[in-house]
Amino acid sequence: MEQTAAAKVAPTVAPTGAQTAAATGADLLAEIPLIDAVGGGPLALLRTQPERLSALLAAARRRYGRLVLNLGDRATRQWLARSRNPYAHELAAVAAHIGLPGALLLNLSYEWACTSGVAADPNAGGSRMLRTLDWPMEEIGRNAVVIRQDGGAGAYYSVGWPGYVGVLTAMAPGRFSIAINQPPMRRISGACWLDWAVNRTGVWRGLGLPPSHLTRSICDTATSYAEARRRLIETPLCIPAFFILAGASADEGCVIERSEARAAVHDAPAAIANHWLGLSIPGHDRGTDSHGRRERMSKLLHRPDVESFDWVRPPILNATTRLAAVANAASSELSVIGYERSRQATKPFRLAEHPGGGRTRTTPAPALAGPA
């Protein structure tokens, strides 16, 4: 039976004069809302954000075209049926609600690059995660939302978009912060376009979890950093991924490189972009200047003044940068800014400025009903 509970947009606290002055043209910047989706699920989130959803779908059609979106949805639907994916019923409900091509394919899209790092927080204690996400598709930064969810292990806050079922960046107060980077596209033929097609076929052929669904499952059900770390290392995947994990203690932090079945772990302080460090897998590096971005991030890990986001500069900042985030599970901190075309596109989101942000536990959100 379909849920009917509506997601709630949490009230915001007006920014201080200093915060307003810090952003150029602040009145023209979009807000990143906090959406309480506990008890409402993905459909309730879609219903509260129709304008953002429309902008994202229009951007997808411009970039990929209807034919690619239609074919991708068809292949993804067949893969979901074979793989017994735990979120297949949510994806089907989202696709049915949207009624336009692209809902399934974009949920399993891996055409992005990122720069991330984890180290002990020099200010607030605990372990801190710094993270940027790059994606060629526009409107991702301007239309980002922060979603409050709870799958049973406690409330957590995911940075995402209406219609997106997985988790790419999240902070679970008192437990951990987590993010995904994309490894190089596996080199098979030497021709980038052919390798892309073969790698995409490999995703649909494999029966392991997509990385974004593994992070969602861990946020939903893992009660500790140790459990999250173990599952990120051991769970079979349908495609390689880099995971960044920061616990609630200063000594809990790591970067995990994953193939479908192997892992290489780098304890904090550690930084990762989009090239392999510990696993030798030939591939096409993703994004702009992956080595330069990682080197820059490595120098930022112990910097105390990251709240202003002035560390988001080239080479970390580039034309495809869409999000930057700072997260600390010990202090329940989550700060986010959206970007478009190398420019700030949103006002800073700070969880602490929202009443009760990051400091409450809730009852689990009921899952959407699966197929009969």
Protein backbone atom coordinates (compact mmCIF):
# COMPACT_ATOMS: atom_id res chain seq x y z
CA MET A 1 0.00 0.00 0.00
CA GLU A 2 1.44 3.40 -0.96
CA GLN A 3 2.37 5.76 1.85
CA THR A 4 0.46 9.03 2.17
CA ALA A 5 2.43 10.80 4.91
CA ALA A 6 3.85 14.09 3.65
CA ALA A 7 7.48 15.03 4.07
CA LYS A 8 7.91 18.16 6.17
CA VAL A 9 10.13 21.10 5.26
CA ALA A 10 11.89 22.04 8.50
CA PRO A 11 11.72 25.73 9.44
CA THR A 12 14.94 27.67 9.03
CA VAL A 13 16.61 30.22 11.27
CA ALA A 14 17.41 33.49 9.56
CA PRO A 15 21.14 33.83 8.79
CA THR A 16 23.19 36.37 10.72
CA GLY A 17 24.45 39.54 9.08
CA ALA A 18 27.92 38.06 8.82
CA GLN A 19 26.61 34.97 7.08
CA THR A 20 24.56 37.07 4.66
CA ALA A 21 27.50 39.28 3.82
CA ALA A 22 29.77 36.29 3.28
CA ALA A 23 27.93 35.15 0.15
CA THR A 24 28.15 37.32 -2.95
CA GLY A 25 24.67 38.22 -4.17
CA ALA A 26 23.14 36.22 -1.32
CA ASP A 27 19.60 37.29 -2.17
CA LEU A 28 19.93 35.59 -5.56
CA LEU A 29 21.22 32.29 -4.17
CA ALA A 30 18.93 29.28 -3.74
CA GLU A 31 18.11 27.80 -0.35
CA ILE A 32 19.01 24.20 0.49
CA PRO A 33 15.97 23.02 2.47
CA LEU A 34 15.95 20.45 5.25
CA ILE A 35 13.22 17.90 4.44
CA ASP A 36 11.96 15.61 7.19
CA ALA A 37 11.14 12.41 5.26
CA VAL A 38 10.87 10.14 8.30
CA GLY A 39 7.58 8.29 7.87
CA GLY A 40 6.99 9.73 4.40
CA GLY A 41 9.52 8.01 2.18
CA PRO A 42 10.68 9.03 -1.31
CA LEU A 43 7.22 9.73 -2.72
CA ALA A 44 6.47 12.29 -0.01
CA LEU A 45 9.78 13.98 -0.82
CA LEU A 46 8.83 14.11 -4.51
CA ARG A 47 5.47 15.69 -3.72
CA THR A 48 6.99 18.49 -1.66
CA GLN A 49 9.64 19.42 -4.27
CA PRO A 50 7.96 19.47 -7.73
CA GLU A 51 9.92 22.51 -8.98
CA ARG A 52 13.29 20.98 -8.11
CA LEU A 53 12.28 17.67 -9.68
CA SER A 54 11.16 19.40 -12.87
CA ALA A 55 14.46 21.29 -13.15
CA LEU A 56 16.51 18.11 -12.65
CA LEU A 57 14.54 16.12 -15.24
CA ALA A 58 14.84 18.94 -17.78
CA ALA A 59 18.62 19.03 -17.21
CA ALA A 60 18.80 15.25 -17.70
CA ARG A 61 16.91 15.44 -21.00
CA ARG A 62 19.22 18.19 -22.25
CA ARG A 63 22.34 16.23 -21.38
CA TYR A 64 21.39 12.65 -22.28
CA GLY A 65 18.38 12.85 -24.61
CA ARG A 66 15.13 10.90 -24.39
CA LEU A 67 16.43 7.87 -26.29
CA VAL A 68 19.30 7.24 -23.87
CA LEU A 69 17.03 7.78 -20.87
CA ASN A 70 14.41 5.39 -22.24
CA LEU A 71 16.91 2.65 -23.08
CA GLY A 72 18.69 3.13 -19.75
CA ASP A 73 15.44 2.85 -17.81
CA ARG A 74 14.55 -0.37 -19.65
CA ALA A 75 17.92 -2.00 -18.92
CA THR A 76 17.87 -0.82 -15.30
CA ARG A 77 14.37 -2.20 -14.76
CA GLN A 78 15.48 -5.63 -16.00
CA TRP A 79 18.59 -5.53 -13.80
CA LEU A 80 16.57 -4.62 -10.71
CA ALA A 81 14.29 -7.60 -11.29
CA ARG A 82 17.28 -10.00 -11.53
CA SER A 83 19.37 -8.59 -8.70
CA ARG A 84 16.78 -8.67 -5.89
CA ASN A 85 17.77 -5.11 -5.04
CA PRO A 86 16.42 -4.10 -1.60
CA TYR A 87 15.30 -0.70 -2.91
CA ALA A 88 13.71 -1.93 -6.14
CA HIS A 89 10.18 -1.23 -4.88
CA GLU A 90 11.12 2.35 -3.95
CA LEU A 91 12.69 2.91 -7.37
CA ALA A 92 9.61 1.50 -9.09
CA ALA A 93 7.33 3.76 -7.06
CA VAL A 94 9.46 6.82 -7.87
CA ALA A 95 9.49 5.96 -11.60
CA ALA A 96 5.72 5.43 -11.65
CA HIS A 97 5.11 8.73 -9.86
CA ILE A 98 7.38 10.71 -12.20
CA GLY A 99 6.04 9.03 -15.34
CA LEU A 100 8.91 10.31 -17.50
CA PRO A 101 12.06 8.57 -18.76
CA GLY A 102 15.24 8.81 -16.68
CA ALA A 103 14.07 8.08 -13.13
CA LEU A 104 15.69 4.63 -13.00
CA LEU A 105 18.81 5.34 -15.06
CA LEU A 106 19.72 8.50 -13.13
CA ASN A 107 19.41 6.63 -9.84
CA LEU A 108 22.18 4.31 -11.02
CA SER A 109 24.24 6.95 -12.83
CA TYR A 110 27.99 6.86 -12.21
CA GLU A 111 29.16 9.74 -14.37
CA TRP A 112 30.56 11.87 -11.55
CA ALA A 113 33.85 12.67 -9.87
CA CYS A 114 34.62 13.75 -6.30
CA THR A 115 37.37 14.90 -3.94
CA SER A 116 37.13 13.83 -0.30
CA GLY A 117 39.17 13.46 2.85
CA VAL A 118 38.92 12.41 6.50
CA ALA A 119 40.95 13.33 9.58
CA ALA A 120 40.58 14.23 13.25
CA ASP A 121 38.68 17.51 13.66
CA PRO A 122 41.05 20.14 15.10
CA ASN A 123 38.14 22.19 16.44
CA ALA A 124 35.18 20.11 17.59
CA GLY A 125 36.79 16.75 18.34
CA GLY A 126 35.74 13.56 16.65
CA SER A 127 36.51 12.78 13.02
CA ARG A 128 35.73 15.24 10.22
CA MET A 129 34.90 14.58 6.57
CA LEU A 130 35.49 17.14 3.80
CA ARG A 131 33.84 16.42 0.49
CA THR A 132 33.10 17.89 -2.94
CA LEU A 133 31.01 16.23 -5.64
CA ASP A 134 31.48 16.94 -9.37
CA TRP A 135 28.84 15.99 -11.94
CA PRO A 136 28.58 17.16 -15.60
CA MET A 137 24.78 17.44 -15.40
CA GLU A 138 23.70 20.94 -14.40
CA GLU A 139 21.07 21.87 -11.78
CA ILE A 140 22.39 19.23 -9.34
CA GLY A 141 23.96 21.88 -7.10
CA ARG A 142 21.18 24.46 -7.24
CA ASN A 143 18.47 21.88 -6.48
CA ALA A 144 20.13 19.88 -3.70
CA VAL A 145 18.21 19.12 -0.53
CA VAL A 146 19.17 17.73 2.87
CA ILE A 147 16.89 14.85 3.85
CA ARG A 148 16.29 13.62 7.38
CA GLN A 149 15.81 9.84 7.27
CA ASP A 150 15.70 6.93 9.71
CA GLY A 151 15.93 3.27 8.73
CA GLY A 152 16.03 1.92 12.29
CA ALA A 153 19.53 2.65 13.59
CA GLY A 154 18.82 6.33 14.21
CA ALA A 155 18.22 9.55 12.33
CA TYR A 156 20.69 10.60 9.66
CA TYR A 157 20.96 13.45 7.19
CA SER A 158 21.56 12.76 3.50
CA VAL A 159 22.49 15.33 0.85
CA GLY A 160 20.46 14.38 -2.20
CA TRP A 161 17.71 15.26 -4.65
CA PRO A 162 14.01 14.51 -5.14
CA GLY A 163 13.69 11.07 -6.70
CA TYR A 164 17.16 9.85 -5.69
CA VAL A 165 16.89 6.68 -3.59
CA GLY A 166 20.54 6.01 -2.73
CA VAL A 167 22.96 7.94 -0.50
CA LEU A 168 26.11 9.69 -1.77
CA THR A 169 26.86 11.97 1.21
CA ALA A 170 25.44 11.66 4.73
CA MET A 171 26.00 12.35 8.41
CA ALA A 172 24.52 10.09 11.11
CA PRO A 173 24.82 11.88 14.49
CA GLY A 174 26.83 9.89 17.02
CA ARG A 175 27.62 7.17 14.46
CA PHE A 176 29.53 8.25 11.35
CA SER A 177 29.72 10.42 8.25
CA ILE A 178 29.98 8.68 4.89
CA ALA A 179 30.48 9.53 1.20
CA ILE A 180 31.27 7.91 -2.14
CA ASN A 181 33.86 8.84 -4.76
CA GLN A 182 33.93 7.26 -8.20
CA PRO A 183 37.07 5.30 -9.20
CA PRO A 184 38.52 5.40 -12.71
CA MET A 185 36.44 3.80 -15.42
CA ARG A 186 38.01 0.38 -15.96
CA ARG A 187 40.24 0.34 -19.05
CA ILE A 188 39.33 -2.57 -21.35
CA SER A 189 39.83 -1.60 -25.00
CA GLY A 190 41.67 1.70 -24.77
CA ALA A 191 38.80 3.53 -26.50
CA CYS A 192 37.03 5.61 -23.86
CA TRP A 193 33.55 5.45 -25.45
CA LEU A 194 33.74 1.66 -25.88
CA ASP A 195 35.05 1.18 -22.37
CA TRP A 196 32.13 3.26 -21.07
CA ALA A 197 29.64 0.97 -22.83
CA VAL A 198 31.34 -2.20 -21.58
CA ASN A 199 31.55 -0.88 -18.02
CA ARG A 200 27.89 0.15 -18.09
CA THR A 201 26.97 -3.35 -19.29
CA GLY A 202 29.02 -4.71 -16.40
CA VAL A 203 26.88 -2.79 -13.92
CA TRP A 204 23.72 -4.34 -15.31
CA ARG A 205 25.30 -7.80 -15.45
CA GLY A 206 26.54 -7.84 -11.85
CA LEU A 207 24.22 -8.78 -8.99
CA GLY A 208 26.02 -6.99 -6.17
CA LEU A 209 24.71 -3.79 -4.60
CA PRO A 210 25.24 -0.42 -6.27
CA PRO A 211 27.58 1.61 -4.02
CA SER A 212 24.91 4.26 -3.30
CA HIS A 213 22.52 1.55 -2.13
CA LEU A 214 25.16 0.04 0.16
CA THR A 215 25.72 3.43 1.81
CA ARG A 216 21.95 3.86 2.17
CA SER A 217 21.67 0.44 3.81
CA ILE A 218 24.54 1.23 6.16
CA CYS A 219 23.02 4.58 7.16
CA ASP A 220 19.69 2.82 7.74
CA THR A 221 20.93 -0.07 9.85
CA ALA A 222 24.59 0.17 10.98
CA THR A 223 24.87 1.20 14.62
CA SER A 224 28.60 1.94 14.77
CA TYR A 225 31.65 3.00 12.79
CA ALA A 226 33.12 -0.50 13.18
CA GLU A 227 30.05 -2.13 11.64
CA ALA A 228 29.94 0.39 8.78
CA ARG A 229 33.65 -0.13 8.06
CA ARG A 230 33.29 -3.91 7.98
CA ARG A 231 30.32 -3.83 5.63
CA LEU A 232 32.00 -1.37 3.27
CA ILE A 233 34.96 -3.75 3.03
CA GLU A 234 33.06 -7.03 2.73
CA THR A 235 29.79 -6.43 0.86
CA PRO A 236 29.88 -7.47 -2.84
CA LEU A 237 29.35 -4.56 -5.25
CA CYS A 238 28.16 -4.40 -8.85
CA ILE A 239 30.80 -1.74 -9.69
CA PRO A 240 33.94 -0.39 -7.98
CA ALA A 241 33.74 2.57 -5.58
CA PHE A 242 35.75 4.64 -3.14
CA PHE A 243 34.16 5.09 0.30
CA ILE A 244 35.04 7.79 2.82
CA LEU A 245 34.06 7.03 6.42
CA ALA A 246 34.49 9.22 9.51
CA GLY A 247 33.41 7.93 12.92
CA ALA A 248 32.43 9.75 16.10
CA SER A 249 35.90 9.38 17.68
CA ALA A 250 39.01 11.18 16.49
CA ASP A 251 40.74 7.86 15.73
CA GLU A 252 37.84 6.55 13.59
CA GLY A 253 38.32 7.40 9.95
CA CYS A 254 39.36 5.74 6.71
CA VAL A 255 39.21 5.69 2.93
CA ILE A 256 38.23 2.33 1.42
CA GLU A 257 39.01 1.48 -2.20
CA ARG A 258 36.71 -1.22 -3.50
CA SER A 259 36.52 -3.40 -6.57
CA GLU A 260 33.52 -5.68 -6.85
CA ALA A 261 35.13 -8.15 -4.40
CA ARG A 262 38.44 -6.68 -3.12
CA ALA A 263 39.31 -3.81 -0.77
CA ALA A 264 42.26 -1.59 0.15
CA VAL A 265 41.92 0.46 3.35
CA HIS A 266 43.75 3.70 4.18
CA ASP A 267 43.32 4.89 7.76
CA ALA A 268 42.89 8.59 8.50
CA PRO A 269 44.26 11.07 7.83
CA ALA A 270 43.54 10.16 4.23
CA ALA A 271 42.33 11.83 1.04
CA ILE A 272 40.99 10.40 -2.20
CA ALA A 273 39.93 11.81 -5.57
CA ASN A 274 39.27 9.62 -8.61
CA HIS A 275 42.41 7.52 -9.16
CA TRP A 276 43.48 4.25 -7.57
CA LEU A 277 45.95 4.29 -4.69
CA GLY A 278 46.08 0.75 -3.27
CA LEU A 279 44.49 -1.42 -5.96
CA SER A 280 46.18 -1.82 -9.33
CA ILE A 281 43.33 -1.61 -11.83
CA PRO A 282 43.98 0.08 -15.21
CA GLY A 283 41.46 2.82 -15.87
CA HIS A 284 40.53 6.22 -17.25
CA ASP A 285 40.80 8.84 -14.47
CA ARG A 286 37.57 10.75 -13.92
CA GLY A 287 37.13 14.47 -13.58
CA THR A 288 39.66 17.28 -13.86
CA ASP A 289 43.20 16.85 -12.45
CA SER A 290 42.45 13.97 -10.06
CA HIS A 291 46.00 13.92 -8.69
CA GLY A 292 46.04 17.67 -8.14
CA ARG A 293 42.67 17.59 -6.38
CA ARG A 294 43.81 14.85 -4.00
CA GLU A 295 47.05 16.69 -3.22
CA ARG A 296 45.09 19.85 -2.43
CA MET A 297 42.61 17.96 -0.22
CA SER A 298 45.47 16.30 1.70
CA LYS A 299 46.71 19.77 2.69
CA LEU A 300 43.26 20.78 3.96
CA LEU A 301 42.56 17.89 6.32
CA HIS A 302 43.87 19.56 9.49
CA ARG A 303 42.82 23.08 8.60
CA PRO A 304 40.60 24.56 11.36
CA ASP A 305 38.69 27.16 9.31
CA VAL A 306 36.69 25.10 6.82
CA GLU A 307 33.21 26.44 7.66
CA SER A 308 33.59 29.37 5.25
CA PHE A 309 34.12 26.94 2.32
CA ASP A 310 36.91 29.16 1.00
CA TRP A 311 38.92 25.94 0.61
CA VAL A 312 36.71 25.08 -2.38
CA ARG A 313 39.00 26.54 -5.02
CA PRO A 314 40.83 25.16 -8.07
CA PRO A 315 41.72 22.44 -8.74
CA ILE A 316 39.07 21.10 -6.32
CA LEU A 317 36.61 23.66 -7.70
CA ASN A 318 35.98 23.25 -11.42
CA ALA A 319 33.21 23.68 -13.99
CA THR A 320 31.44 20.46 -12.92
CA THR A 321 31.58 20.98 -9.13
CA ARG A 322 28.04 20.73 -7.75
CA LEU A 323 28.34 20.28 -3.97
CA ALA A 324 30.75 20.81 -1.09
CA ALA A 325 30.13 19.45 2.41
CA VAL A 326 31.72 19.35 5.86
CA ALA A 327 30.47 16.66 8.27
CA ASN A 328 31.29 15.61 11.83
CA ALA A 329 29.14 12.93 13.50
CA ALA A 330 30.55 13.67 16.98
CA SER A 331 29.35 17.29 16.92
CA SER A 332 26.31 16.58 14.68
CA GLU A 333 27.72 19.02 12.14
CA LEU A 334 26.66 19.09 8.50
CA SER A 335 27.35 22.11 6.30
CA VAL A 336 26.63 22.14 2.55
CA ILE A 337 26.93 24.56 -0.38
CA GLY A 338 25.74 24.00 -3.96
CA TYR A 339 27.70 25.12 -7.03
CA GLU A 340 26.97 25.62 -10.73
CA ARG A 341 29.58 26.53 -13.38
CA SER A 342 32.34 27.11 -10.81
CA ARG A 343 30.20 29.57 -8.84
CA GLN A 344 28.32 29.32 -5.58
CA ALA A 345 24.66 28.63 -6.42
CA THR A 346 23.10 28.25 -2.95
CA LYS A 347 23.23 29.87 0.44
CA PRO A 348 25.24 27.86 2.97
CA PHE A 349 23.21 25.15 4.68
CA ARG A 350 24.17 24.52 8.31
CA LEU A 351 22.28 21.85 10.19
CA ALA A 352 22.86 23.59 13.53
CA GLU A 353 20.74 26.53 12.33
CA HIS A 354 17.66 24.30 12.07
CA PRO A 355 15.69 23.65 15.27
CA GLY A 356 16.69 20.27 16.69
CA GLY A 357 18.98 19.64 13.74
CA GLY A 358 21.19 16.61 14.27
CA ARG A 359 20.28 16.00 17.88
CA THR A 360 17.21 13.77 17.90
CA ARG A 361 16.47 10.11 17.35
CA THR A 362 13.24 9.02 15.74
CA THR A 363 11.19 5.95 15.05
CA PRO A 364 12.07 4.09 11.83
CA ALA A 365 10.48 5.18 8.58
CA PRO A 366 8.20 2.44 7.21
CA ALA A 367 9.31 1.08 3.85
CA LEU A 368 7.20 1.42 0.75
CA ALA A 369 5.21 -1.69 0.09
CA GLY A 370 6.96 -4.11 -2.22
CA PRO A 371 5.36 -5.77 -5.19
CA ALA A 372 2.53 -8.14 -4.38
